[in-house]
Amino acid sequence: MPRLATKRVLVTGAAQGIGRAIAELFVREGASVIALDLKADALATLSGCEPLVVDLLDPAAVARAGAGAGTLDVLINCAGYVDSGDLLSVTERGLDLSFDLNVRATIRMTQAVLPAMLEAGRGVIVNIGSVAGALIGVPNRLAYCASKAAVAGLTRSIALDYVGKGIRCNAICPGTVQSPSLDERLETTGDADAARAAFIARQPMGRIGTAEEIAALALYLASDESAYITGSAIAIDGGWTMA
């Protein structure tokens, strides 16, 4: 039997990368998936999902999307932004976008769907964080590390506040994962091959992770198989944080 049969799920950042892999896997596992992103064309290529075009930087739009989703069994907060720069070079735009998309949008979407979960007496929230900030420091990623550390903190707070009300909340903390976003960032370095080699060199497993590997962990956390897990920030990083 599919592991998410009868489950209603909303995935943010579903147009590409990790979010897309999660949406596709969850559909295969029997879930009814609302795929949310701002990229309408990419959403249209997802099979078996209900596309929902929403600007997560618009609080009113997020509230409407959450209310319109009805009672969810699972919320996957995956949309995110990776900013570059250290403390002296980070820009106001980088800080604002990092916290608005990585943190505030996660909080607002969860606020929008949580009341219905509480009324139903059940619900699973999975936040896509990062080992960066949540578990280790990473050079030249001030805003990203700070915002992903905040994601880990809010995950624990949500988990603790609602643990007795049928709600579970966990964070997945990936290391370096292959995605269109990673390709774009590598290209901006001016030497994508060298940048990719450097990323691979810091992974004890000697390779970059795949979006499908992250999706597999999301499936476990979304399913009833993980019913005893809440408040955790789980590293999936090829051993990077143990090095």
C-alpha atoms as a PDB file:
ATOM      1  CA  MET A   1       0.000   0.000   0.000  1.00  0.00           C
ATOM      2  CA  PRO A   2       1.336   3.500  -0.777  1.00  0.00           C
ATOM      3  CA  ARG A   3       2.826   5.098   2.321  1.00  0.00           C
ATOM      4  CA  LEU A   4       0.917   8.376   1.942  1.00  0.00           C
ATOM      5  CA  ALA A   5      -2.423   7.047   0.737  1.00  0.00           C
ATOM      6  CA  THR A   6      -5.284   9.439   1.667  1.00  0.00           C
ATOM      7  CA  LYS A   7      -2.785  12.112   2.811  1.00  0.00           C
ATOM      8  CA  ARG A   8      -3.258  15.703   1.660  1.00  0.00           C
ATOM      9  CA  VAL A   9       0.073  17.510   1.313  1.00  0.00           C
ATOM     10  CA  LEU A  10       1.264  21.009   0.432  1.00  0.00           C
ATOM     11  CA  VAL A  11       4.844  21.448  -0.798  1.00  0.00           C
ATOM     12  CA  THR A  12       6.322  24.931  -1.196  1.00  0.00           C
ATOM     13  CA  GLY A  13       9.182  25.503  -3.628  1.00  0.00           C
ATOM     14  CA  ALA A  14       7.833  22.602  -5.682  1.00  0.00           C
ATOM     15  CA  ALA A  15       8.855  23.791  -9.149  1.00  0.00           C
ATOM     16  CA  GLN A  16      12.421  22.494  -9.065  1.00  0.00           C
ATOM     17  CA  GLY A  17      15.143  20.834  -7.034  1.00  0.00           C
ATOM     18  CA  ILE A  18      14.328  19.280  -3.678  1.00  0.00           C
ATOM     19  CA  GLY A  19      10.744  20.541  -3.624  1.00  0.00           C
ATOM     20  CA  ARG A  20       9.991  19.021  -6.997  1.00  0.00           C
ATOM     21  CA  ALA A  21      11.538  15.685  -6.023  1.00  0.00           C
ATOM     22  CA  ILE A  22       9.408  15.638  -2.874  1.00  0.00           C
ATOM     23  CA  ALA A  23       6.215  16.445  -4.768  1.00  0.00           C
ATOM     24  CA  GLU A  24       6.897  13.744  -7.366  1.00  0.00           C
ATOM     25  CA  LEU A  25       7.733  11.091  -4.772  1.00  0.00           C
ATOM     26  CA  PHE A  26       4.708  11.917  -2.632  1.00  0.00           C
ATOM     27  CA  VAL A  27       2.395  11.578  -5.638  1.00  0.00           C
ATOM     28  CA  ARG A  28       3.868   8.154  -6.342  1.00  0.00           C
ATOM     29  CA  GLU A  29       3.229   7.242  -2.702  1.00  0.00           C
ATOM     30  CA  GLY A  30      -0.460   8.046  -2.993  1.00  0.00           C
ATOM     31  CA  ALA A  31      -0.664  11.592  -1.615  1.00  0.00           C
ATOM     32  CA  SER A  32      -2.867  14.361  -2.942  1.00  0.00           C
ATOM     33  CA  VAL A  33      -0.224  17.046  -3.495  1.00  0.00           C
ATOM     34  CA  ILE A  34      -0.638  20.808  -3.784  1.00  0.00           C
ATOM     35  CA  ALA A  35       2.547  22.019  -5.489  1.00  0.00           C
ATOM     36  CA  LEU A  36       3.205  25.663  -4.643  1.00  0.00           C
ATOM     37  CA  ASP A  37       5.715  27.931  -6.326  1.00  0.00           C
ATOM     38  CA  LEU A  38       5.979  31.229  -8.167  1.00  0.00           C
ATOM     39  CA  LYS A  39       7.181  29.549 -11.375  1.00  0.00           C
ATOM     40  CA  ALA A  40       3.952  28.720 -13.171  1.00  0.00           C
ATOM     41  CA  ASP A  41       5.582  27.192 -16.260  1.00  0.00           C
ATOM     42  CA  ALA A  42       7.647  24.737 -14.226  1.00  0.00           C
ATOM     43  CA  LEU A  43       4.670  23.811 -12.045  1.00  0.00           C
ATOM     44  CA  ALA A  44       2.681  22.998 -15.161  1.00  0.00           C
ATOM     45  CA  THR A  45       5.149  20.220 -15.998  1.00  0.00           C
ATOM     46  CA  LEU A  46       4.537  18.401 -12.714  1.00  0.00           C
ATOM     47  CA  SER A  47       2.311  15.357 -13.151  1.00  0.00           C
ATOM     48  CA  GLY A  48      -0.394  14.426 -10.675  1.00  0.00           C
ATOM     49  CA  CYS A  49      -0.134  17.612  -8.593  1.00  0.00           C
ATOM     50  CA  GLU A  50      -2.505  20.500  -8.026  1.00  0.00           C
ATOM     51  CA  PRO A  51      -0.424  23.547  -9.061  1.00  0.00           C
ATOM     52  CA  LEU A  52      -0.690  26.684  -6.955  1.00  0.00           C
ATOM     53  CA  VAL A  53       1.133  29.821  -8.069  1.00  0.00           C
ATOM     54  CA  VAL A  54       1.891  31.954  -5.013  1.00  0.00           C
ATOM     55  CA  ASP A  55       4.445  34.621  -4.131  1.00  0.00           C
ATOM     56  CA  LEU A  56       5.691  33.525  -0.719  1.00  0.00           C
ATOM     57  CA  LEU A  57       7.003  37.038  -0.085  1.00  0.00           C
ATOM     58  CA  ASP A  58       3.398  38.309  -0.045  1.00  0.00           C
ATOM     59  CA  PRO A  59       1.926  37.657   3.422  1.00  0.00           C
ATOM     60  CA  ALA A  60      -1.668  38.060   2.218  1.00  0.00           C
ATOM     61  CA  ALA A  61      -1.124  35.604  -0.630  1.00  0.00           C
ATOM     62  CA  VAL A  62       0.381  33.077   1.778  1.00  0.00           C
ATOM     63  CA  ALA A  63      -2.595  33.413   4.121  1.00  0.00           C
ATOM     64  CA  ARG A  64      -5.038  32.905   1.253  1.00  0.00           C
ATOM     65  CA  ALA A  65      -3.120  29.874  -0.021  1.00  0.00           C
ATOM     66  CA  GLY A  66      -3.058  28.253   3.401  1.00  0.00           C
ATOM     67  CA  ALA A  67      -6.739  28.869   4.020  1.00  0.00           C
ATOM     68  CA  GLY A  68      -7.635  27.592   0.561  1.00  0.00           C
ATOM     69  CA  ALA A  69      -5.658  24.391   1.022  1.00  0.00           C
ATOM     70  CA  GLY A  70      -8.167  23.059   3.512  1.00  0.00           C
ATOM     71  CA  THR A  71      -7.131  20.519   6.115  1.00  0.00           C
ATOM     72  CA  LEU A  72      -3.653  19.232   5.374  1.00  0.00           C
ATOM     73  CA  ASP A  73      -2.042  16.122   6.731  1.00  0.00           C
ATOM     74  CA  VAL A  74       1.452  17.306   5.795  1.00  0.00           C
ATOM     75  CA  LEU A  75       3.121  20.659   5.104  1.00  0.00           C
ATOM     76  CA  ILE A  76       6.570  20.690   3.518  1.00  0.00           C
ATOM     77  CA  ASN A  77       8.232  24.115   3.765  1.00  0.00           C
ATOM     78  CA  CYS A  78      10.905  23.811   1.082  1.00  0.00           C
ATOM     79  CA  ALA A  79      11.168  27.168  -0.680  1.00  0.00           C
ATOM     80  CA  GLY A  80      14.436  28.922   0.081  1.00  0.00           C
ATOM     81  CA  TYR A  81      17.192  31.266  -0.994  1.00  0.00           C
ATOM     82  CA  VAL A  82      20.982  30.964  -0.735  1.00  0.00           C
ATOM     83  CA  ASP A  83      22.759  34.280  -0.265  1.00  0.00           C
ATOM     84  CA  SER A  84      26.522  34.766  -0.506  1.00  0.00           C
ATOM     85  CA  GLY A  85      28.639  37.123   1.548  1.00  0.00           C
ATOM     86  CA  ASP A  86      30.307  37.481   4.920  1.00  0.00           C
ATOM     87  CA  LEU A  87      29.391  39.928   7.676  1.00  0.00           C
ATOM     88  CA  LEU A  88      31.062  42.894   5.964  1.00  0.00           C
ATOM     89  CA  SER A  89      29.863  42.175   2.429  1.00  0.00           C
ATOM     90  CA  VAL A  90      26.288  40.997   3.005  1.00  0.00           C
ATOM     91  CA  THR A  91      23.713  43.349   1.493  1.00  0.00           C
ATOM     92  CA  GLU A  92      20.419  44.551   2.878  1.00  0.00           C
ATOM     93  CA  ARG A  93      18.677  42.811  -0.015  1.00  0.00           C
ATOM     94  CA  GLY A  94      20.477  39.572   0.809  1.00  0.00           C
ATOM     95  CA  LEU A  95      19.496  39.789   4.461  1.00  0.00           C
ATOM     96  CA  ASP A  96      15.900  40.684   3.673  1.00  0.00           C
ATOM     97  CA  LEU A  97      15.388  37.961   1.073  1.00  0.00           C
ATOM     98  CA  SER A  98      17.104  35.320   3.224  1.00  0.00           C
ATOM     99  CA  PHE A  99      14.882  35.971   6.212  1.00  0.00           C
ATOM    100  CA  ASP A 100      11.709  36.756   4.264  1.00  0.00           C
ATOM    101  CA  LEU A 101      11.812  33.542   2.216  1.00  0.00           C
ATOM    102  CA  ASN A 102      13.707  31.124   4.456  1.00  0.00           C
ATOM    103  CA  VAL A 103      12.140  32.131   7.764  1.00  0.00           C
ATOM    104  CA  ARG A 104       9.114  34.425   7.557  1.00  0.00           C
ATOM    105  CA  ALA A 105       7.463  32.558   4.673  1.00  0.00           C
ATOM    106  CA  THR A 106       7.918  29.298   6.589  1.00  0.00           C
ATOM    107  CA  ILE A 107       6.349  30.819   9.691  1.00  0.00           C
ATOM    108  CA  ARG A 108       3.463  32.385   7.777  1.00  0.00           C
ATOM    109  CA  MET A 109       2.617  29.274   5.794  1.00  0.00           C
ATOM    110  CA  THR A 110       2.661  27.196   8.946  1.00  0.00           C
ATOM    111  CA  GLN A 111       0.455  29.754  10.700  1.00  0.00           C
ATOM    112  CA  ALA A 112      -1.984  29.567   7.792  1.00  0.00           C
ATOM    113  CA  VAL A 113      -2.451  25.783   7.852  1.00  0.00           C
ATOM    114  CA  LEU A 114      -1.921  24.952  11.530  1.00  0.00           C
ATOM    115  CA  PRO A 115      -5.428  25.863  12.812  1.00  0.00           C
ATOM    116  CA  ALA A 116      -7.050  23.251  10.557  1.00  0.00           C
ATOM    117  CA  MET A 117      -4.466  20.676  11.624  1.00  0.00           C
ATOM    118  CA  LEU A 118      -5.185  21.415  15.266  1.00  0.00           C
ATOM    119  CA  GLU A 119      -8.907  21.093  14.695  1.00  0.00           C
ATOM    120  CA  ALA A 120      -8.319  17.726  13.045  1.00  0.00           C
ATOM    121  CA  GLY A 121      -6.011  16.671  15.875  1.00  0.00           C
ATOM    122  CA  ARG A 122      -3.192  15.674  13.549  1.00  0.00           C
ATOM    123  CA  GLY A 123      -0.567  17.130  11.247  1.00  0.00           C
ATOM    124  CA  VAL A 124       3.041  16.862  10.155  1.00  0.00           C
ATOM    125  CA  ILE A 125       5.287  19.814   9.321  1.00  0.00           C
ATOM    126  CA  VAL A 126       8.654  19.273   7.683  1.00  0.00           C
ATOM    127  CA  ASN A 127      10.933  22.271   7.245  1.00  0.00           C
ATOM    128  CA  ILE A 128      13.840  22.085   4.824  1.00  0.00           C
ATOM    129  CA  GLY A 129      16.738  23.648   6.662  1.00  0.00           C
ATOM    130  CA  SER A 130      20.441  23.106   6.102  1.00  0.00           C
ATOM    131  CA  VAL A 131      23.484  21.860   7.942  1.00  0.00           C
ATOM    132  CA  ALA A 132      24.750  25.408   7.286  1.00  0.00           C
ATOM    133  CA  GLY A 133      23.802  27.494  10.287  1.00  0.00           C
ATOM    134  CA  ALA A 134      21.737  24.805  11.988  1.00  0.00           C
ATOM    135  CA  LEU A 135      24.676  22.486  12.660  1.00  0.00           C
ATOM    136  CA  ILE A 136      27.899  24.048  11.333  1.00  0.00           C
ATOM    137  CA  GLY A 137      29.240  27.344  10.066  1.00  0.00           C
ATOM    138  CA  VAL A 138      29.996  27.766   6.372  1.00  0.00           C
ATOM    139  CA  PRO A 139      32.311  30.478   4.995  1.00  0.00           C
ATOM    140  CA  ASN A 140      30.809  33.365   3.048  1.00  0.00           C
ATOM    141  CA  ARG A 141      27.205  32.448   3.895  1.00  0.00           C
ATOM    142  CA  LEU A 142      26.325  34.869   6.703  1.00  0.00           C
ATOM    143  CA  ALA A 143      22.672  35.500   5.824  1.00  0.00           C
ATOM    144  CA  TYR A 144      22.034  31.925   4.768  1.00  0.00           C
ATOM    145  CA  CYS A 145      23.547  30.438   7.923  1.00  0.00           C
ATOM    146  CA  ALA A 146      21.685  32.864  10.161  1.00  0.00           C
ATOM    147  CA  SER A 147      18.348  32.199   8.457  1.00  0.00           C
ATOM    148  CA  LYS A 148      18.737  28.420   8.439  1.00  0.00           C
ATOM    149  CA  ALA A 149      19.708  28.481  12.112  1.00  0.00           C
ATOM    150  CA  ALA A 150      16.414  30.295  12.644  1.00  0.00           C
ATOM    151  CA  VAL A 151      14.578  27.516  10.778  1.00  0.00           C
ATOM    152  CA  ALA A 152      16.039  24.953  13.176  1.00  0.00           C
ATOM    153  CA  GLY A 153      14.954  27.073  16.131  1.00  0.00           C
ATOM    154  CA  LEU A 154      11.412  27.608  14.931  1.00  0.00           C
ATOM    155  CA  THR A 155      11.129  23.871  14.162  1.00  0.00           C
ATOM    156  CA  ARG A 156      11.918  23.018  17.782  1.00  0.00           C
ATOM    157  CA  SER A 157       9.570  25.728  19.041  1.00  0.00           C
ATOM    158  CA  ILE A 158       6.637  24.505  16.930  1.00  0.00           C
ATOM    159  CA  ALA A 159       7.322  20.910  17.922  1.00  0.00           C
ATOM    160  CA  LEU A 160       7.352  21.719  21.635  1.00  0.00           C
ATOM    161  CA  ASP A 161       4.295  23.984  21.593  1.00  0.00           C
ATOM    162  CA  TYR A 162       2.061  21.441  19.848  1.00  0.00           C
ATOM    163  CA  VAL A 163       3.519  18.051  20.775  1.00  0.00           C
ATOM    164  CA  GLY A 164       0.462  17.259  22.893  1.00  0.00           C
ATOM    165  CA  LYS A 165      -2.003  18.227  20.191  1.00  0.00           C
ATOM    166  CA  GLY A 166      -1.203  15.708  17.477  1.00  0.00           C
ATOM    167  CA  ILE A 167       1.286  17.900  15.613  1.00  0.00           C
ATOM    168  CA  ARG A 168       4.822  16.837  14.719  1.00  0.00           C
ATOM    169  CA  CYS A 169       7.447  19.195  13.328  1.00  0.00           C
ATOM    170  CA  ASN A 170      10.934  18.263  12.129  1.00  0.00           C
ATOM    171  CA  ALA A 171      13.652  19.816  10.000  1.00  0.00           C
ATOM    172  CA  ILE A 172      15.718  18.189   7.292  1.00  0.00           C
ATOM    173  CA  CYS A 173      19.220  19.634   7.127  1.00  0.00           C
ATOM    174  CA  PRO A 174      20.837  18.786   3.782  1.00  0.00           C
ATOM    175  CA  GLY A 175      24.442  19.283   2.860  1.00  0.00           C
ATOM    176  CA  THR A 176      25.326  20.130  -0.748  1.00  0.00           C
ATOM    177  CA  VAL A 177      22.624  18.830  -3.077  1.00  0.00           C
ATOM    178  CA  GLN A 178      22.459  18.878  -6.861  1.00  0.00           C
ATOM    179  CA  SER A 179      19.766  21.270  -8.077  1.00  0.00           C
ATOM    180  CA  PRO A 180      19.190  24.023 -10.648  1.00  0.00           C
ATOM    181  CA  SER A 181      19.874  26.508  -7.854  1.00  0.00           C
ATOM    182  CA  LEU A 182      23.284  24.952  -7.213  1.00  0.00           C
ATOM    183  CA  ASP A 183      24.122  25.072 -10.926  1.00  0.00           C
ATOM    184  CA  GLU A 184      23.249  28.770 -11.022  1.00  0.00           C
ATOM    185  CA  ARG A 185      25.443  29.522  -8.013  1.00  0.00           C
ATOM    186  CA  LEU A 186      28.352  27.574  -9.467  1.00  0.00           C
ATOM    187  CA  GLU A 187      28.091  29.509 -12.704  1.00  0.00           C
ATOM    188  CA  THR A 188      28.283  32.839 -10.883  1.00  0.00           C
ATOM    189  CA  THR A 189      31.733  31.918  -9.543  1.00  0.00           C
ATOM    190  CA  GLY A 190      33.255  32.265 -13.009  1.00  0.00           C
ATOM    191  CA  ASP A 191      34.668  28.732 -12.875  1.00  0.00           C
ATOM    192  CA  ALA A 192      31.817  26.317 -12.328  1.00  0.00           C
ATOM    193  CA  ASP A 193      33.980  23.208 -12.649  1.00  0.00           C
ATOM    194  CA  ALA A 194      36.423  24.351  -9.997  1.00  0.00           C
ATOM    195  CA  ALA A 195      33.605  25.403  -7.684  1.00  0.00           C
ATOM    196  CA  ARG A 196      31.894  22.035  -8.091  1.00  0.00           C
ATOM    197  CA  ALA A 197      35.158  20.236  -7.366  1.00  0.00           C
ATOM    198  CA  ALA A 198      35.543  22.256  -4.173  1.00  0.00           C
ATOM    199  CA  PHE A 199      32.031  21.341  -3.055  1.00  0.00           C
ATOM    200  CA  ILE A 200      32.698  17.660  -3.729  1.00  0.00           C
ATOM    201  CA  ALA A 201      36.049  17.793  -1.914  1.00  0.00           C
ATOM    202  CA  ARG A 202      34.423  18.844   1.349  1.00  0.00           C
ATOM    203  CA  GLN A 203      32.039  15.858   1.301  1.00  0.00           C
ATOM    204  CA  PRO A 204      33.553  12.788   3.000  1.00  0.00           C
ATOM    205  CA  MET A 205      31.498  10.572   0.672  1.00  0.00           C
ATOM    206  CA  GLY A 206      33.163  12.246  -2.278  1.00  0.00           C
ATOM    207  CA  ARG A 207      29.989  13.294  -4.027  1.00  0.00           C
ATOM    208  CA  ILE A 208      27.127  15.762  -3.956  1.00  0.00           C
ATOM    209  CA  GLY A 209      23.734  14.550  -2.760  1.00  0.00           C
ATOM    210  CA  THR A 210      20.641  14.205  -4.916  1.00  0.00           C
ATOM    211  CA  ALA A 211      17.236  15.795  -4.484  1.00  0.00           C
ATOM    212  CA  GLU A 212      15.723  12.313  -4.529  1.00  0.00           C
ATOM    213  CA  GLU A 213      17.744  11.349  -1.440  1.00  0.00           C
ATOM    214  CA  ILE A 214      16.344  14.337   0.441  1.00  0.00           C
ATOM    215  CA  ALA A 215      12.844  13.466  -0.769  1.00  0.00           C
ATOM    216  CA  ALA A 216      13.202   9.943   0.629  1.00  0.00           C
ATOM    217  CA  LEU A 217      13.893  11.354   4.095  1.00  0.00           C
ATOM    218  CA  ALA A 218      10.956  13.762   3.725  1.00  0.00           C
ATOM    219  CA  LEU A 219       8.734  10.790   2.900  1.00  0.00           C
ATOM    220  CA  TYR A 220       9.785   9.014   6.080  1.00  0.00           C
ATOM    221  CA  LEU A 221       9.158  12.102   8.226  1.00  0.00           C
ATOM    222  CA  ALA A 222       5.796  12.721   6.563  1.00  0.00           C
ATOM    223  CA  SER A 223       4.630   9.142   6.990  1.00  0.00           C
ATOM    224  CA  ASP A 224       3.218   7.397  10.039  1.00  0.00           C
ATOM    225  CA  GLU A 225       6.456   5.401  10.243  1.00  0.00           C
ATOM    226  CA  SER A 226       8.093   8.370  11.992  1.00  0.00           C
ATOM    227  CA  ALA A 227       5.263   8.917  14.486  1.00  0.00           C
ATOM    228  CA  TYR A 228       7.687   9.084  17.443  1.00  0.00           C
ATOM    229  CA  ILE A 229       9.935  11.770  15.946  1.00  0.00           C
ATOM    230  CA  THR A 230       9.395  15.457  16.558  1.00  0.00           C
ATOM    231  CA  GLY A 231      11.604  18.483  17.193  1.00  0.00           C
ATOM    232  CA  SER A 232      14.569  16.968  15.362  1.00  0.00           C
ATOM    233  CA  ALA A 233      16.964  18.608  12.900  1.00  0.00           C
ATOM    234  CA  ILE A 234      18.263  15.686  10.867  1.00  0.00           C
ATOM    235  CA  ALA A 235      21.481  16.002   8.881  1.00  0.00           C
ATOM    236  CA  ILE A 236      21.634  14.340   5.465  1.00  0.00           C
ATOM    237  CA  ASP A 237      24.972  15.538   4.209  1.00  0.00           C
ATOM    238  CA  GLY A 238      27.284  12.726   3.089  1.00  0.00           C
ATOM    239  CA  GLY A 239      29.152  12.963   6.390  1.00  0.00           C
ATOM    240  CA  TRP A 240      30.072  16.649   6.039  1.00  0.00           C
ATOM    241  CA  THR A 241      29.194  17.521   9.635  1.00  0.00           C
ATOM    242  CA  MET A 242      31.258  14.686  11.101  1.00  0.00           C
ATOM    243  CA  ALA A 243      34.444  15.697   9.291  1.00  0.00           C
END
